[in-house]
Amino acid sequence: MKNLVILGAGKIGRMVCHLTATSGDYSVRIGDVAQGAVDTLTRRYPGVTGQVVDFGNAQSLDSLLKGAWAVISCAPYHCNPRIAQRAKANGVHYFDLTEDVEVTHQVVELAKDSKTLFAPQCGLAPGFITIVANHLMRSMTEVSDLRLRVGALPRYPSNRLKYNLTWSTEGLINEYCNPCESVEHGQLTTVPPLEQLERLTIDGVDYEAFNTSGGLGTLAITLKDRVKNVNYKTIRYPGHCELMKFLLHDLQMQEQQGLLRDIFEKSLPTTFQDQIVIFVSATGKAHGRLTERTYAKTIYHREIDGDNWSGIQITTAAGVTAIVDLLREGKLPAAGLLKMENVDYDAFLQNRFGRFYA
């Protein structure tokens, strides 16, 4: 059995723990800032051990990482550079879920001479959506436009934002406030968040989509010389973007992100009854003709092993655990940086964890 460390015992960390601890192939250690969160998982899953850890303290991290095979960071995104640094120092494979561009740049630098695998951004978006995009492009030539769209949405919206908290509030605000990488006319560039609003219909349901930060992962850099236009947008119900602009721009809440986080966590209820909407479109030449290939899928919350898990828990955790599993099976490089666009689509979906997307 492989010794696996999971850092962060929140919504996603709990799902990652469930999948790996019940698989029979991983000996799981949990680290979190809260003793109660650690105790919840160690009581529930026989054989899972854990301890309180300070994500910003090297000695605290080292005490949990010593002797581990791999670490999955489900901690807040700003903790990942230190976690990646200690993973490298301890010779541990590293995986994270971050959408933050600057954090990922730091992890990429650490991966350059690493003797273990570094796989940042391997959740849903960035993560699985990048694998899908590369799959759609495979049978095409002269790809001109690649559009990636993802939304984590409540099934039963009941407020004016038409939104409930389904994952990290910090991560949500971060992607609404930071510049967004894209490729425009063959040039790598950044565009402002909450702009370039569009409408789309998927399975008869109307949505809107707008720029948000981080969803492309490394894909924009990889494709800048091959694809004319590459962009990522977040999907929401119509009207959400305009209200977020009012909060962030008109009320200048982008200058008070901590306060906005507190307001959201006090006023927006969490839901585990959600749906994940995924849409990827590639336009280019196939067999000499202009062709568009599209992937569209909606994944819902569901019961697994007697418990209801949200769609965002399932898709994010399935993304990272499938990548970890593929490494364990010897289907991925054992060292250096892993870009999600280099992961085989079919191998991912055939994996026992990746099958949640199938």
Protein backbone atom coordinates (compact mmCIF):
# COMPACT_ATOMS: atom_id res chain seq x y z
CA MET A 1 0.00 0.00 0.00
CA LYS A 2 1.14 3.51 -0.81
CA ASN A 3 1.45 6.01 2.03
CA LEU A 4 -0.70 8.98 0.98
CA VAL A 5 -0.97 12.33 2.81
CA ILE A 6 -4.06 14.48 2.35
CA LEU A 7 -3.71 18.08 3.53
CA GLY A 8 -7.04 19.77 4.19
CA ALA A 9 -10.12 18.00 5.55
CA GLY A 10 -12.78 20.30 4.13
CA LYS A 11 -15.41 19.49 1.50
CA ILE A 12 -12.95 18.20 -1.10
CA GLY A 13 -10.48 16.68 1.34
CA ARG A 14 -13.24 14.53 2.83
CA MET A 15 -14.18 13.16 -0.60
CA VAL A 16 -10.53 12.50 -1.50
CA CYS A 17 -10.14 10.66 1.79
CA HIS A 18 -13.25 8.58 1.17
CA LEU A 19 -12.17 7.49 -2.31
CA THR A 20 -8.59 6.63 -1.39
CA ALA A 21 -9.15 5.19 2.09
CA THR A 22 -11.83 2.77 0.87
CA SER A 23 -9.90 1.69 -2.24
CA GLY A 24 -7.62 -0.79 -0.46
CA ASP A 25 -4.45 0.57 -2.09
CA TYR A 26 -3.61 3.59 0.05
CA SER A 27 -2.62 4.09 3.67
CA VAL A 28 -4.01 7.56 4.36
CA ARG A 29 -2.78 10.27 6.71
CA ILE A 30 -4.87 13.42 7.19
CA GLY A 31 -3.52 16.85 8.13
CA ASP A 32 -5.72 19.86 8.90
CA VAL A 33 -5.59 23.04 10.97
CA ALA A 34 -8.64 21.89 12.98
CA GLN A 35 -8.50 18.93 15.34
CA GLY A 36 -12.23 18.32 14.91
CA ALA A 37 -11.88 17.90 11.15
CA VAL A 38 -9.06 15.39 11.64
CA ASP A 39 -11.01 13.45 14.27
CA THR A 40 -14.08 13.20 12.04
CA LEU A 41 -12.15 11.34 9.36
CA THR A 42 -9.97 9.19 11.60
CA ARG A 43 -13.07 7.99 13.47
CA ARG A 44 -14.96 7.23 10.30
CA TYR A 45 -12.28 5.37 8.35
CA PRO A 46 -10.41 2.57 10.15
CA GLY A 47 -6.71 2.77 9.44
CA VAL A 48 -6.72 6.49 8.59
CA THR A 49 -4.41 8.48 10.86
CA GLY A 50 -4.07 12.22 11.22
CA GLN A 51 -2.85 15.22 13.11
CA VAL A 52 -3.19 18.97 13.33
CA VAL A 53 -0.76 20.68 10.97
CA ASP A 54 0.28 24.26 10.29
CA PHE A 55 0.31 24.60 6.50
CA GLY A 56 2.76 27.48 6.71
CA ASN A 57 5.29 25.76 8.99
CA ALA A 58 8.01 23.59 7.46
CA GLN A 59 8.57 21.45 10.56
CA SER A 60 4.86 20.83 10.98
CA LEU A 61 4.53 19.72 7.37
CA ASP A 62 7.67 17.60 7.50
CA SER A 63 6.32 15.66 10.48
CA LEU A 64 3.40 14.48 8.34
CA LEU A 65 5.23 14.09 5.03
CA LYS A 66 8.14 12.00 6.36
CA GLY A 67 8.07 8.57 4.70
CA ALA A 68 5.07 9.40 2.50
CA TRP A 69 4.79 8.35 -1.14
CA ALA A 70 2.60 11.29 -2.24
CA VAL A 71 0.71 14.30 -0.93
CA ILE A 72 -2.57 15.76 -2.19
CA SER A 73 -3.06 19.37 -1.18
CA CYS A 74 -6.71 20.26 -0.58
CA ALA A 75 -5.54 23.21 1.52
CA PRO A 76 -6.26 26.87 0.64
CA TYR A 77 -4.48 27.78 -2.60
CA HIS A 78 -2.08 30.25 -0.97
CA CYS A 79 -0.64 27.43 1.19
CA ASN A 80 0.50 25.38 -1.80
CA PRO A 81 3.95 26.90 -2.47
CA ARG A 82 5.15 25.93 1.02
CA ILE A 83 3.52 22.50 0.79
CA ALA A 84 5.14 21.88 -2.61
CA GLN A 85 8.50 23.02 -1.27
CA ARG A 86 8.33 20.54 1.61
CA ALA A 87 7.10 17.76 -0.69
CA LYS A 88 10.18 18.26 -2.83
CA ALA A 89 12.47 18.32 0.21
CA ASN A 90 10.96 15.05 1.46
CA GLY A 91 11.01 13.30 -1.92
CA VAL A 92 7.21 13.07 -2.09
CA HIS A 93 5.02 13.19 -5.21
CA TYR A 94 2.90 16.37 -5.18
CA PHE A 95 -0.68 17.02 -6.36
CA ASP A 96 -2.92 20.05 -5.90
CA LEU A 97 -6.23 21.56 -7.06
CA THR A 98 -5.36 25.24 -7.23
CA GLU A 99 -6.72 27.60 -9.86
CA ASP A 100 -4.39 30.42 -8.83
CA VAL A 101 -2.00 31.37 -11.63
CA GLU A 102 0.82 32.79 -9.50
CA VAL A 103 0.79 29.84 -7.10
CA THR A 104 1.01 27.46 -10.05
CA HIS A 105 3.99 29.35 -11.48
CA GLN A 106 5.81 28.77 -8.18
CA VAL A 107 4.97 25.06 -8.21
CA VAL A 108 6.14 24.76 -11.82
CA GLU A 109 9.52 26.24 -10.85
CA LEU A 110 9.89 23.70 -8.03
CA ALA A 111 9.10 20.88 -10.48
CA LYS A 112 11.97 21.68 -12.85
CA ASP A 113 14.62 19.53 -11.17
CA SER A 114 12.33 17.43 -8.98
CA LYS A 115 12.99 13.70 -8.60
CA THR A 116 9.29 13.15 -7.95
CA LEU A 117 6.18 14.05 -9.93
CA PHE A 118 4.63 17.49 -9.52
CA ALA A 119 1.02 17.66 -10.75
CA PRO A 120 -0.63 21.01 -9.98
CA GLN A 121 -4.18 21.89 -11.03
CA CYS A 122 -5.54 18.36 -11.40
CA GLY A 123 -9.13 18.75 -10.23
CA LEU A 124 -12.04 19.73 -12.48
CA ALA A 125 -11.11 23.14 -13.95
CA PRO A 126 -8.22 23.26 -14.29
CA GLY A 127 -7.81 19.52 -14.58
CA PHE A 128 -10.31 17.26 -16.32
CA ILE A 129 -11.51 20.01 -18.64
CA THR A 130 -7.97 20.32 -20.02
CA ILE A 131 -7.85 16.57 -20.71
CA VAL A 132 -11.15 16.86 -22.62
CA ALA A 133 -9.92 19.82 -24.68
CA ASN A 134 -6.80 17.94 -25.78
CA HIS A 135 -8.92 14.90 -26.64
CA LEU A 136 -11.24 16.94 -28.90
CA MET A 137 -8.27 18.43 -30.75
CA ARG A 138 -6.56 15.12 -31.48
CA SER A 139 -8.32 14.31 -34.73
CA MET A 140 -8.30 17.92 -35.96
CA THR A 141 -5.81 20.07 -37.79
CA GLU A 142 -5.48 23.84 -37.86
CA VAL A 143 -7.57 24.31 -34.73
CA SER A 144 -8.71 27.93 -34.65
CA ASP A 145 -10.90 28.19 -31.55
CA LEU A 146 -10.97 26.30 -28.27
CA ARG A 147 -13.63 27.25 -25.71
CA LEU A 148 -13.70 25.75 -22.22
CA ARG A 149 -16.68 26.36 -19.92
CA VAL A 150 -17.44 24.95 -16.45
CA GLY A 151 -19.97 25.82 -13.77
CA ALA A 152 -20.69 24.46 -10.29
CA LEU A 153 -24.32 25.43 -9.76
CA PRO A 154 -27.10 24.79 -7.26
CA ARG A 155 -29.85 22.58 -8.65
CA TYR A 156 -32.49 24.67 -6.94
CA PRO A 157 -31.35 28.34 -6.90
CA SER A 158 -33.41 30.46 -4.52
CA ASN A 159 -31.59 33.81 -4.18
CA ARG A 160 -30.89 36.73 -6.52
CA LEU A 161 -27.34 35.57 -7.22
CA LYS A 162 -28.80 32.18 -8.17
CA TYR A 163 -25.83 30.68 -6.40
CA ASN A 164 -24.95 28.65 -3.31
CA LEU A 165 -21.52 27.95 -1.84
CA THR A 166 -20.32 24.60 -3.09
CA TRP A 167 -16.54 24.84 -2.63
CA SER A 168 -13.84 27.22 -1.35
CA THR A 169 -15.15 30.77 -0.84
CA GLU A 170 -11.58 32.11 -1.07
CA GLY A 171 -11.07 30.30 -4.34
CA LEU A 172 -14.37 31.63 -5.73
CA ILE A 173 -13.49 35.26 -4.96
CA ASN A 174 -9.94 34.77 -6.24
CA GLU A 175 -11.11 33.64 -9.67
CA TYR A 176 -13.59 36.55 -9.87
CA CYS A 177 -10.89 39.15 -9.13
CA ASN A 178 -7.67 38.07 -10.86
CA PRO A 179 -6.63 38.51 -14.52
CA CYS A 180 -7.54 35.62 -16.80
CA GLU A 181 -5.06 33.99 -19.15
CA SER A 182 -6.15 33.38 -22.73
CA VAL A 183 -4.84 33.17 -26.28
CA GLU A 184 -6.17 35.80 -28.68
CA HIS A 185 -5.13 35.81 -32.34
CA GLY A 186 -2.25 33.49 -31.50
CA GLN A 187 -0.85 35.67 -28.71
CA LEU A 188 -0.77 34.75 -25.01
CA THR A 189 -2.55 37.53 -23.13
CA THR A 190 -4.66 38.31 -20.09
CA VAL A 191 -8.23 39.56 -20.03
CA PRO A 192 -10.23 41.03 -17.13
CA PRO A 193 -12.53 38.80 -15.06
CA LEU A 194 -16.32 39.10 -15.30
CA GLU A 195 -16.06 40.35 -18.91
CA GLN A 196 -16.88 38.92 -22.36
CA LEU A 197 -20.30 37.78 -21.19
CA GLU A 198 -22.02 35.21 -23.40
CA ARG A 199 -25.21 33.16 -23.32
CA LEU A 200 -25.33 29.43 -23.98
CA THR A 201 -27.94 26.67 -23.83
CA ILE A 202 -27.05 23.16 -22.70
CA ASP A 203 -29.69 20.41 -22.60
CA GLY A 204 -32.41 23.02 -22.93
CA VAL A 205 -31.23 25.14 -19.96
CA ASP A 206 -30.12 28.75 -20.46
CA TYR A 207 -26.86 29.84 -18.85
CA GLU A 208 -24.39 32.71 -19.04
CA ALA A 209 -20.61 32.47 -19.04
CA PHE A 210 -17.89 35.05 -18.37
CA ASN A 211 -14.13 35.28 -17.88
CA THR A 212 -12.70 33.94 -14.63
CA SER A 213 -9.11 33.27 -13.62
CA GLY A 214 -7.18 30.02 -13.54
CA GLY A 215 -9.40 27.54 -15.35
CA LEU A 216 -7.01 26.97 -18.27
CA GLY A 217 -4.13 25.75 -16.15
CA THR A 218 -1.06 25.46 -18.39
CA LEU A 219 -3.13 24.99 -21.55
CA ALA A 220 -2.84 28.57 -22.82
CA ILE A 221 0.96 28.45 -22.72
CA THR A 222 0.99 25.00 -24.36
CA LEU A 223 -1.30 26.01 -27.23
CA LYS A 224 -0.29 29.62 -27.90
CA ASP A 225 1.61 28.68 -31.06
CA ARG A 226 -0.95 26.13 -32.28
CA VAL A 227 -4.44 27.57 -31.68
CA LYS A 228 -5.61 31.05 -32.65
CA ASN A 229 -8.04 31.58 -29.76
CA VAL A 230 -8.21 29.74 -26.42
CA ASN A 231 -10.35 30.89 -23.52
CA TYR A 232 -12.01 29.73 -20.33
CA LYS A 233 -15.22 31.02 -18.77
CA THR A 234 -17.30 30.13 -15.73
CA ILE A 235 -20.92 29.11 -16.25
CA ARG A 236 -23.66 30.64 -14.08
CA TYR A 237 -27.40 31.20 -14.28
CA PRO A 238 -28.36 34.41 -16.14
CA GLY A 239 -28.03 37.59 -14.05
CA HIS A 240 -25.23 36.40 -11.76
CA CYS A 241 -22.43 38.28 -13.52
CA GLU A 242 -24.18 41.66 -13.33
CA LEU A 243 -24.74 41.33 -9.57
CA MET A 244 -21.12 40.28 -9.01
CA LYS A 245 -19.94 43.35 -10.94
CA PHE A 246 -22.12 45.49 -8.69
CA LEU A 247 -20.53 43.97 -5.57
CA LEU A 248 -16.92 43.89 -6.76
CA HIS A 249 -16.74 47.05 -8.87
CA ASP A 250 -19.49 49.47 -7.87
CA LEU A 251 -19.22 48.70 -4.14
CA GLN A 252 -15.44 48.15 -4.49
CA MET A 253 -15.55 44.84 -2.64
CA GLN A 254 -12.62 43.62 -4.72
CA GLU A 255 -10.55 45.85 -2.41
CA GLN A 256 -12.06 44.12 0.65
CA GLN A 257 -12.00 40.46 -0.28
CA GLY A 258 -11.82 39.29 3.32
CA LEU A 259 -15.02 41.16 4.12
CA LEU A 260 -16.72 39.79 1.02
CA ARG A 261 -15.74 36.26 2.04
CA ASP A 262 -17.29 36.80 5.48
CA ILE A 263 -20.50 38.17 3.92
CA PHE A 264 -20.78 35.24 1.52
CA GLU A 265 -20.15 32.65 4.23
CA LYS A 266 -22.72 34.29 6.51
CA SER A 267 -25.41 34.93 3.90
CA LEU A 268 -25.05 32.32 1.14
CA PRO A 269 -26.00 28.84 2.32
CA THR A 270 -23.95 25.81 1.36
CA THR A 271 -25.66 23.17 -0.74
CA PHE A 272 -24.83 19.56 -1.49
CA GLN A 273 -27.60 19.43 -4.12
CA ASP A 274 -25.63 20.79 -7.04
CA GLN A 275 -24.80 20.14 -10.66
CA ILE A 276 -21.54 20.49 -12.56
CA VAL A 277 -21.98 21.76 -16.11
CA ILE A 278 -19.07 21.07 -18.46
CA PHE A 279 -18.84 22.38 -22.03
CA VAL A 280 -15.81 22.24 -24.33
CA SER A 281 -15.82 23.20 -28.00
CA ALA A 282 -12.98 22.88 -30.53
CA THR A 283 -13.30 24.35 -34.05
CA GLY A 284 -10.86 23.52 -36.81
CA LYS A 285 -10.23 21.33 -39.84
CA ALA A 286 -11.11 17.63 -39.84
CA HIS A 287 -10.74 15.61 -43.05
CA GLY A 288 -10.30 18.89 -44.90
CA ARG A 289 -13.57 20.45 -43.73
CA LEU A 290 -14.29 23.11 -41.12
CA THR A 291 -15.61 21.15 -38.14
CA GLU A 292 -16.68 21.78 -34.57
CA ARG A 293 -16.31 19.05 -31.98
CA THR A 294 -18.15 19.49 -28.69
CA TYR A 295 -18.16 17.82 -25.29
CA ALA A 296 -21.10 18.68 -23.02
CA LYS A 297 -21.99 16.94 -19.79
CA THR A 298 -23.87 17.66 -16.57
CA ILE A 299 -22.84 15.74 -13.46
CA TYR A 300 -25.14 15.76 -10.44
CA HIS A 301 -24.74 15.21 -6.73
CA ARG A 302 -25.30 11.55 -5.88
CA GLU A 303 -25.22 8.93 -3.19
CA ILE A 304 -21.95 7.00 -2.87
CA ASP A 305 -21.56 4.28 -0.24
CA GLY A 306 -24.64 5.46 1.62
CA ASP A 307 -23.83 9.20 1.75
CA ASN A 308 -24.86 12.10 -0.46
CA TRP A 309 -21.85 13.82 -2.01
CA SER A 310 -22.06 17.06 -3.98
CA GLY A 311 -21.19 17.21 -7.65
CA ILE A 312 -18.22 19.51 -6.98
CA GLN A 313 -16.87 17.10 -4.35
CA ILE A 314 -17.17 14.16 -6.73
CA THR A 315 -15.70 15.82 -9.83
CA THR A 316 -12.83 17.59 -8.07
CA ALA A 317 -11.84 14.60 -5.95
CA ALA A 318 -12.23 12.17 -8.86
CA GLY A 319 -9.93 14.37 -10.93
CA VAL A 320 -7.02 14.34 -8.53
CA THR A 321 -7.43 10.75 -7.27
CA ALA A 322 -7.52 9.42 -10.84
CA ILE A 323 -4.21 11.15 -11.56
CA VAL A 324 -2.72 9.76 -8.34
CA ASP A 325 -3.99 6.30 -9.28
CA LEU A 326 -2.52 6.50 -12.78
CA LEU A 327 0.86 7.32 -11.24
CA ARG A 328 0.56 4.34 -8.87
CA GLU A 329 -0.18 2.12 -11.87
CA GLY A 330 2.94 3.36 -13.68
CA LYS A 331 0.94 5.15 -16.41
CA LEU A 332 2.45 8.59 -15.76
CA PRO A 333 6.03 9.92 -15.60
CA ALA A 334 7.59 9.45 -12.17
CA ALA A 335 9.34 12.84 -12.01
CA GLY A 336 9.10 16.43 -13.19
CA LEU A 337 6.06 18.49 -14.11
CA LEU A 338 2.84 16.85 -15.27
CA LYS A 339 0.60 19.01 -17.44
CA MET A 340 -3.02 17.89 -17.55
CA GLU A 341 -3.09 18.20 -21.34
CA ASN A 342 -0.59 15.32 -21.42
CA VAL A 343 -2.95 12.90 -19.62
CA ASP A 344 -4.68 10.37 -21.88
CA TYR A 345 -8.46 10.88 -21.98
CA ASP A 346 -9.33 7.18 -22.33
CA ALA A 347 -6.94 6.07 -19.59
CA PHE A 348 -8.45 8.68 -17.28
CA LEU A 349 -12.05 7.59 -17.89
CA GLN A 350 -11.16 3.92 -17.54
CA ASN A 351 -9.66 4.56 -14.11
CA ARG A 352 -11.82 3.54 -11.13
CA PHE A 353 -11.93 7.16 -9.91
CA GLY A 354 -12.04 8.80 -13.33
CA ARG A 355 -15.14 6.73 -14.13
CA PHE A 356 -17.24 9.25 -12.17
CA TYR A 357 -16.93 11.43 -15.27
CA ALA A 358 -17.84 8.63 -17.68
